[in-house]
Amino acid sequence: MQRHPIIPIVALVGAIIAVQVTATLSGREYYLTQLIMSAYYTIVVCGLCLVMGYAGQLSLGHGAFFALGGYTTAVLTTLDFSSGAINLAATGLGRGLLKVGILVAQTDLYGRDFVAFTPWAAFIAALLLTLAIAVVVGYPALRLRGHYLAMATLGFGLIVYRLLLGTEWTGSADGISSVPGWHILPGVVICGKSAHRVKNYYVAWGLVVFVLSFIVNVVRSRTGRALRSIHDGELAANAMGIHTAGYKLKVFVLSAGMAGVAGSFLTHYNGGIGPSEAGAMKSVRYVTLVAAGGMANVWGVLMVGSVLTFLSLRGCFGSMDHAVFGGILILIMSFAPQGPLKPLGDFLSRVRSACRRAPRDSAAGRPGDGDLPGRLG
């Protein structure tokens, strides 16, 4: 019998609550900082799981989409739009945006007044920009296959990285700091202050649960069946009338949007962003986590991605971080190519089967009334 998707999601919610309660009661609430960051990186990995595990495509550009979301948010909330060459506040459009509250007057850390976009407006702009660029990149790139697609998306990521590194208003090598907190709900601010740590923890992992629920529903839908057919055989899927190019583009854009959302949230939480988020090694790491989690096993990707990212952020691997990730990938691909949850699930299935069979075997071996042994003479 197929398991209802709500059961593991409820179990995940219970685990999220249990981790926070345990960390708080044990006096180690500071662990929540790395868990929050892990949640946002896990969103990127789960989105990439759709592209790799179901559409059968290999993307090495998701670090760039993450950085696009984060940098767009950072630029729009920190750049002064009331002076210099971009004096937007002096135009009719700028005055209209000020009137409706999309542009707001703020004060920076040094007491200087400036005009910038609100975090909500910046987030929407970041999401739209990421989706638009994903369409532009994905339309020609997804006509490629295999390593050609990987090379194309890697080239896109390198272009974004060099542009961020060499552009003055993106902070060049220093990146952008002093990104304001995001008042996402009354009393809930996306920022790195310890007073808001628990609330940020539930916002981050609540977003993970939402994204995961969405992916599970996509996988179980008609779209998911079409994606699996494309993964198994694109020519056969085309012959059956499935619009393979359209499905691959939609999944690619959707996955890129998830990365942009995660980048925007994490930028507000960290209070800044640097060009290393668009680096090639970031994208390679995302691919590694998807492969280690089991490609088309979104739950395995969630578990492996969140755990390994948390350990890495805690500094458990030290300077051998990349080497450890490479070693873990080799081990998992050698002994559990479908992810670590697959052999665990097979083992639990065998245990359940053995437990169900044991009562039947004992009942079959019990002698009946007519089988009582005779009295010894």
Protein backbone atom coordinates (compact mmCIF):
# COMPACT_ATOMS: atom_id res chain seq x y z
CA MET A 1 0.00 0.00 0.00
CA GLN A 2 1.33 3.47 -0.92
CA ARG A 3 2.08 5.67 2.04
CA HIS A 4 0.09 8.90 2.30
CA PRO A 5 2.42 11.90 1.76
CA ILE A 6 1.05 13.74 4.81
CA ILE A 7 2.57 11.19 7.21
CA PRO A 8 6.26 11.96 6.56
CA ILE A 9 5.51 15.68 6.42
CA VAL A 10 3.87 15.54 9.86
CA ALA A 11 6.88 13.55 11.08
CA LEU A 12 9.18 16.24 9.70
CA VAL A 13 7.23 18.97 11.49
CA GLY A 14 7.48 16.98 14.72
CA ALA A 15 11.25 16.59 14.26
CA ILE A 16 11.64 20.33 13.63
CA ILE A 17 9.82 21.16 16.86
CA ALA A 18 11.74 18.51 18.80
CA VAL A 19 15.12 19.87 17.64
CA GLN A 20 14.25 23.41 18.71
CA VAL A 21 12.92 22.32 22.11
CA THR A 22 15.96 20.11 22.73
CA ALA A 23 18.39 22.86 21.75
CA THR A 24 16.66 25.40 24.00
CA LEU A 25 16.34 23.13 27.04
CA SER A 26 19.96 21.94 26.74
CA GLY A 27 21.29 25.50 26.62
CA ARG A 28 22.54 25.14 23.04
CA GLU A 29 20.14 27.44 21.27
CA TYR A 30 23.09 28.83 19.30
CA TYR A 31 22.87 25.67 17.16
CA LEU A 32 19.72 27.16 15.66
CA THR A 33 21.84 29.73 13.79
CA GLN A 34 23.47 27.06 11.61
CA LEU A 35 20.18 25.15 11.38
CA ILE A 36 18.49 28.26 9.95
CA MET A 37 21.21 28.69 7.34
CA SER A 38 21.05 24.96 6.56
CA ALA A 39 17.32 25.27 5.92
CA TYR A 40 17.79 27.90 3.21
CA TYR A 41 20.56 25.93 1.51
CA THR A 42 18.38 22.81 1.71
CA ILE A 43 15.66 24.61 -0.26
CA VAL A 44 18.14 25.07 -3.12
CA VAL A 45 19.10 21.39 -2.99
CA CYS A 46 15.47 20.19 -2.95
CA GLY A 47 14.68 22.39 -5.95
CA LEU A 48 17.69 21.03 -7.81
CA CYS A 49 16.44 17.52 -6.99
CA LEU A 50 13.49 18.17 -9.32
CA VAL A 51 15.83 19.10 -12.18
CA MET A 52 18.31 16.26 -11.70
CA GLY A 53 16.23 13.44 -10.28
CA TYR A 54 13.03 13.85 -12.28
CA ALA A 55 13.79 15.88 -15.41
CA GLY A 56 17.15 14.12 -15.81
CA GLN A 57 19.10 17.36 -16.33
CA LEU A 58 22.38 18.43 -14.72
CA SER A 59 22.60 22.09 -13.71
CA LEU A 60 25.76 23.71 -12.39
CA GLY A 61 24.25 27.19 -12.23
CA HIS A 62 22.05 27.09 -9.14
CA GLY A 63 24.64 28.90 -7.05
CA ALA A 64 24.24 31.81 -9.48
CA PHE A 65 20.44 31.81 -9.10
CA PHE A 66 20.84 31.80 -5.31
CA ALA A 67 23.21 34.78 -5.58
CA LEU A 68 20.88 36.63 -7.96
CA GLY A 69 18.06 36.46 -5.45
CA GLY A 70 20.30 37.54 -2.59
CA TYR A 71 22.11 40.33 -4.45
CA THR A 72 18.91 41.80 -5.90
CA THR A 73 17.46 42.00 -2.40
CA ALA A 74 20.66 43.48 -0.99
CA VAL A 75 21.08 46.12 -3.71
CA LEU A 76 17.48 47.31 -3.62
CA THR A 77 17.39 47.61 0.19
CA THR A 78 20.81 49.27 0.70
CA LEU A 79 21.45 51.42 -2.40
CA ASP A 80 20.51 55.09 -2.07
CA PHE A 81 17.89 55.94 -4.71
CA SER A 82 17.73 59.63 -3.73
CA SER A 83 21.14 60.84 -4.90
CA GLY A 84 23.73 60.42 -7.62
CA ALA A 85 23.04 59.04 -11.06
CA ILE A 86 20.08 56.97 -9.87
CA ASN A 87 18.05 59.66 -8.14
CA LEU A 88 14.81 57.74 -8.54
CA ALA A 89 13.13 59.57 -5.64
CA ALA A 90 13.21 62.86 -7.60
CA THR A 91 11.21 61.45 -10.52
CA GLY A 92 7.45 61.15 -10.78
CA LEU A 93 7.71 57.39 -10.56
CA GLY A 94 9.85 57.64 -7.45
CA ARG A 95 7.43 60.01 -5.74
CA GLY A 96 4.60 57.64 -6.53
CA LEU A 97 6.57 54.71 -5.07
CA LEU A 98 7.29 56.78 -1.95
CA LYS A 99 3.61 57.57 -1.59
CA VAL A 100 2.51 53.92 -1.71
CA GLY A 101 5.35 52.79 0.58
CA ILE A 102 7.43 50.77 -1.90
CA LEU A 103 10.30 53.26 -1.52
CA VAL A 104 10.97 54.36 2.05
CA ALA A 105 13.31 56.82 3.74
CA GLN A 106 15.82 55.11 6.04
CA THR A 107 18.91 55.86 8.12
CA ASP A 108 22.10 53.83 7.78
CA LEU A 109 24.56 52.82 10.52
CA TYR A 110 26.39 56.13 10.21
CA GLY A 111 23.30 58.29 10.64
CA ARG A 112 22.98 59.24 6.97
CA ASP A 113 19.52 59.39 5.42
CA PHE A 114 18.82 57.50 2.21
CA VAL A 115 15.89 56.15 0.21
CA ALA A 116 15.63 52.45 -0.68
CA PHE A 117 13.08 49.80 -1.49
CA THR A 118 11.23 47.92 1.24
CA PRO A 119 12.27 44.28 1.80
CA TRP A 120 8.92 43.03 0.50
CA ALA A 121 9.32 44.97 -2.76
CA ALA A 122 12.94 43.85 -3.06
CA PHE A 123 11.94 40.21 -2.51
CA ILE A 124 9.29 40.34 -5.25
CA ALA A 125 11.76 42.01 -7.61
CA ALA A 126 14.41 39.39 -6.78
CA LEU A 127 11.98 36.54 -7.47
CA LEU A 128 10.79 38.02 -10.77
CA LEU A 129 14.35 38.75 -11.93
CA THR A 130 15.51 35.23 -11.05
CA LEU A 131 12.58 33.66 -12.90
CA ALA A 132 13.13 35.89 -15.96
CA ILE A 133 16.85 35.07 -16.16
CA ALA A 134 16.07 31.37 -15.67
CA VAL A 135 13.75 31.50 -18.69
CA VAL A 136 16.40 33.28 -20.78
CA VAL A 137 19.10 30.79 -19.76
CA GLY A 138 16.91 27.71 -19.70
CA TYR A 139 15.22 28.06 -23.09
CA PRO A 140 18.35 27.50 -25.18
CA ALA A 141 20.31 25.52 -22.56
CA LEU A 142 17.68 22.84 -21.99
CA ARG A 143 17.82 21.88 -25.65
CA LEU A 144 21.22 20.48 -24.77
CA ARG A 145 21.75 17.13 -23.07
CA GLY A 146 24.21 15.48 -20.73
CA HIS A 147 27.51 17.23 -20.12
CA TYR A 148 26.69 19.95 -22.69
CA LEU A 149 23.93 21.29 -20.44
CA ALA A 150 26.25 21.09 -17.42
CA MET A 151 28.87 23.12 -19.29
CA ALA A 152 26.31 25.73 -20.39
CA THR A 153 24.95 26.28 -16.86
CA LEU A 154 28.48 26.30 -15.45
CA GLY A 155 29.38 29.04 -17.94
CA PHE A 156 26.34 31.05 -16.81
CA GLY A 157 27.41 30.68 -13.19
CA LEU A 158 30.95 31.84 -13.95
CA ILE A 159 29.62 34.91 -15.79
CA VAL A 160 27.44 35.88 -12.82
CA TYR A 161 30.34 35.33 -10.41
CA ARG A 162 32.72 37.54 -12.39
CA LEU A 163 30.09 40.28 -12.78
CA LEU A 164 29.42 40.34 -9.05
CA LEU A 165 33.12 40.31 -8.32
CA GLY A 166 33.92 43.21 -10.63
CA THR A 167 30.92 45.53 -10.20
CA GLU A 168 31.23 48.42 -7.78
CA TRP A 169 27.57 48.72 -6.73
CA THR A 170 27.49 45.03 -5.80
CA GLY A 171 30.40 45.59 -3.42
CA SER A 172 32.97 43.82 -5.63
CA ALA A 173 34.97 41.26 -3.61
CA ASP A 174 33.59 42.55 -0.29
CA GLY A 175 29.97 41.94 -1.19
CA ILE A 176 27.12 43.91 0.38
CA SER A 177 26.60 44.35 4.11
CA SER A 178 24.15 46.24 6.34
CA VAL A 179 21.10 44.62 4.72
CA PRO A 180 18.15 45.56 6.96
CA GLY A 181 15.91 43.08 8.70
CA TRP A 182 12.73 42.00 6.99
CA HIS A 183 9.51 42.46 8.97
CA ILE A 184 7.78 39.57 7.27
CA LEU A 185 4.94 39.33 9.84
CA PRO A 186 3.92 41.36 12.90
CA GLY A 187 6.57 40.59 15.51
CA VAL A 188 8.60 38.39 13.13
CA VAL A 189 11.78 39.88 11.68
CA ILE A 190 14.16 38.01 9.38
CA CYS A 191 17.50 39.01 10.88
CA GLY A 192 20.45 37.51 12.69
CA LYS A 193 19.74 38.93 16.15
CA SER A 194 19.66 36.32 18.91
CA ALA A 195 16.35 37.64 20.24
CA HIS A 196 14.67 36.57 16.98
CA ARG A 197 16.54 33.27 16.61
CA VAL A 198 13.69 30.89 17.48
CA LYS A 199 11.19 32.73 15.28
CA ASN A 200 13.66 32.71 12.40
CA TYR A 201 14.18 28.99 12.93
CA TYR A 202 10.48 28.28 12.45
CA VAL A 203 10.23 30.65 9.47
CA ALA A 204 13.17 28.95 7.74
CA TRP A 205 12.05 25.39 8.37
CA GLY A 206 8.42 26.30 7.75
CA LEU A 207 9.54 27.43 4.31
CA VAL A 208 11.33 24.08 3.88
CA VAL A 209 8.14 22.20 4.77
CA PHE A 210 6.14 24.32 2.32
CA VAL A 211 8.65 23.76 -0.51
CA LEU A 212 8.87 20.06 0.25
CA SER A 213 5.08 19.67 0.29
CA PHE A 214 4.90 21.46 -3.04
CA ILE A 215 7.58 19.21 -4.58
CA VAL A 216 5.90 16.05 -3.28
CA ASN A 217 2.60 17.14 -4.82
CA VAL A 218 4.31 17.94 -8.13
CA VAL A 219 6.01 14.54 -8.17
CA ARG A 220 2.73 12.72 -7.50
CA SER A 221 0.83 14.72 -10.13
CA ARG A 222 0.55 14.32 -13.89
CA THR A 223 3.54 16.64 -14.25
CA GLY A 224 5.62 14.31 -12.08
CA ARG A 225 4.68 11.30 -14.19
CA ALA A 226 5.66 13.21 -17.32
CA LEU A 227 9.00 14.16 -15.77
CA ARG A 228 9.74 10.56 -14.82
CA SER A 229 9.01 9.46 -18.38
CA ILE A 230 11.39 12.14 -19.66
CA HIS A 231 14.04 10.97 -17.24
CA ASP A 232 13.65 7.34 -18.32
CA GLY A 233 13.62 8.06 -22.04
CA GLU A 234 13.19 11.46 -23.66
CA LEU A 235 12.69 10.12 -27.18
CA ALA A 236 10.02 7.70 -25.98
CA ALA A 237 8.30 10.50 -24.03
CA ASN A 238 8.29 12.66 -27.16
CA ALA A 239 6.80 9.79 -29.13
CA MET A 240 4.00 9.54 -26.56
CA GLY A 241 3.11 13.19 -27.12
CA ILE A 242 4.74 14.67 -24.00
CA HIS A 243 6.07 18.19 -24.57
CA THR A 244 9.49 17.40 -23.11
CA ALA A 245 11.08 20.81 -23.76
CA GLY A 246 8.20 22.62 -22.09
CA TYR A 247 8.25 20.41 -18.99
CA LYS A 248 12.02 20.68 -18.62
CA LEU A 249 11.90 24.47 -18.93
CA LYS A 250 9.10 24.78 -16.36
CA VAL A 251 10.95 22.61 -13.84
CA PHE A 252 14.22 24.46 -14.43
CA VAL A 253 12.57 27.86 -13.90
CA LEU A 254 10.71 26.59 -10.83
CA SER A 255 13.91 25.23 -9.32
CA ALA A 256 15.76 28.49 -10.05
CA GLY A 257 12.96 30.44 -8.38
CA MET A 258 13.34 28.33 -5.23
CA ALA A 259 17.06 29.13 -5.20
CA GLY A 260 16.32 32.85 -5.60
CA VAL A 261 13.82 32.80 -2.73
CA ALA A 262 16.32 31.03 -0.47
CA GLY A 263 19.02 33.55 -1.41
CA SER A 264 16.77 36.49 -0.59
CA PHE A 265 15.77 35.10 2.82
CA LEU A 266 19.32 34.15 3.79
CA THR A 267 20.65 37.57 2.77
CA HIS A 268 18.26 39.26 5.20
CA TYR A 269 19.13 36.75 7.91
CA ASN A 270 22.90 37.18 7.50
CA GLY A 271 22.62 40.93 6.95
CA GLY A 272 24.68 40.68 3.76
CA ILE A 273 25.97 38.52 0.93
CA GLY A 274 29.28 37.93 -0.84
CA PRO A 275 30.27 36.84 -4.36
CA SER A 276 31.35 33.40 -3.14
CA GLU A 277 27.66 32.40 -3.11
CA ALA A 278 27.80 32.40 -6.92
CA GLY A 279 31.07 30.48 -7.07
CA ALA A 280 31.39 27.28 -9.08
CA MET A 281 32.14 25.22 -5.96
CA LYS A 282 28.79 26.24 -4.44
CA SER A 283 26.95 24.86 -7.45
CA VAL A 284 29.09 21.71 -7.41
CA ARG A 285 28.25 21.25 -3.74
CA TYR A 286 24.52 21.47 -4.43
CA VAL A 287 24.87 18.81 -7.15
CA THR A 288 26.90 16.66 -4.75
CA LEU A 289 24.21 16.84 -2.08
CA VAL A 290 21.49 15.87 -4.55
CA ALA A 291 23.54 12.92 -5.80
CA ALA A 292 24.37 11.82 -2.24
CA GLY A 293 20.73 12.06 -1.20
CA GLY A 294 19.54 9.82 -4.00
CA MET A 295 18.68 11.97 -7.06
CA ALA A 296 14.94 11.23 -7.29
CA ASN A 297 14.54 10.69 -3.54
CA VAL A 298 13.50 14.09 -2.25
CA TRP A 299 13.40 12.86 1.37
CA GLY A 300 16.92 11.49 1.10
CA VAL A 301 18.09 14.77 -0.43
CA LEU A 302 16.44 16.68 2.43
CA MET A 303 18.10 14.53 5.09
CA VAL A 304 21.59 14.40 3.56
CA GLY A 305 21.53 18.04 2.48
CA SER A 306 20.45 19.45 5.82
CA VAL A 307 22.72 17.25 7.95
CA LEU A 308 25.90 17.70 5.89
CA THR A 309 25.31 21.43 5.46
CA PHE A 310 24.78 21.86 9.20
CA LEU A 311 27.98 19.95 10.01
CA SER A 312 29.88 22.00 7.46
CA LEU A 313 28.58 25.31 8.86
CA ARG A 314 29.54 24.16 12.36
CA GLY A 315 33.08 23.70 11.12
CA CYS A 316 33.13 19.97 11.84
CA PHE A 317 35.17 19.25 8.71
CA GLY A 318 37.64 22.11 9.11
CA SER A 319 39.84 22.83 6.10
CA MET A 320 38.99 19.39 4.65
CA ASP A 321 35.42 20.44 3.88
CA HIS A 322 35.48 19.78 0.14
CA ALA A 323 37.46 16.56 0.59
CA VAL A 324 34.91 15.23 3.09
CA PHE A 325 32.03 16.04 0.75
CA GLY A 326 33.83 14.26 -2.07
CA GLY A 327 34.53 11.22 0.09
CA ILE A 328 30.93 11.00 1.28
CA LEU A 329 29.71 11.23 -2.32
CA ILE A 330 32.02 8.39 -3.39
CA LEU A 331 30.90 6.17 -0.50
CA ILE A 332 27.19 6.76 -1.04
CA MET A 333 27.37 6.34 -4.80
CA SER A 334 29.37 3.12 -4.32
CA PHE A 335 27.24 1.45 -1.65
CA ALA A 336 23.84 3.22 -1.85
CA PRO A 337 23.46 4.84 -5.29
CA GLN A 338 19.76 5.48 -4.66
CA GLY A 339 20.48 7.37 -1.46
CA PRO A 340 20.90 6.30 2.17
CA LEU A 341 17.15 6.08 2.78
CA LYS A 342 16.63 3.37 0.17
CA PRO A 343 18.57 0.57 1.96
CA LEU A 344 17.11 1.74 5.27
CA GLY A 345 13.61 1.46 3.81
CA ASP A 346 14.35 -1.99 2.39
CA PHE A 347 15.63 -3.15 5.78
CA LEU A 348 12.53 -1.85 7.59
CA SER A 349 10.31 -3.55 4.99
CA ARG A 350 12.04 -6.86 5.62
CA VAL A 351 11.64 -6.40 9.38
CA ARG A 352 7.91 -5.67 9.00
CA SER A 353 7.47 -8.70 6.74
CA ALA A 354 9.28 -10.93 9.22
CA CYS A 355 7.13 -9.63 12.10
CA ARG A 356 3.93 -10.30 10.16
CA ARG A 357 5.07 -13.77 9.12
CA ALA A 358 6.15 -14.88 12.61
CA PRO A 359 2.60 -15.19 14.12
CA ARG A 360 1.36 -17.09 11.05
CA ASP A 361 4.29 -19.50 11.20
CA SER A 362 3.78 -20.17 14.90
CA ALA A 363 0.04 -20.73 14.36
CA ALA A 364 0.72 -23.17 11.53
CA GLY A 365 3.18 -25.13 13.66
CA ARG A 366 0.92 -25.43 16.74
CA PRO A 367 -0.60 -29.01 17.02
CA GLY A 368 -4.38 -29.29 16.88
CA ASP A 369 -6.67 -31.41 19.10
CA GLY A 370 -6.51 -34.33 16.69
CA ASP A 371 -2.74 -34.23 16.62
CA LEU A 372 -2.11 -34.86 20.31
CA PRO A 373 0.57 -37.49 20.81
CA GLY A 374 -0.57 -40.88 22.20
CA ARG A 375 0.18 -42.03 25.74
CA LEU A 376 3.35 -43.93 26.19
CA GLY A 377 2.84 -47.55 27.19
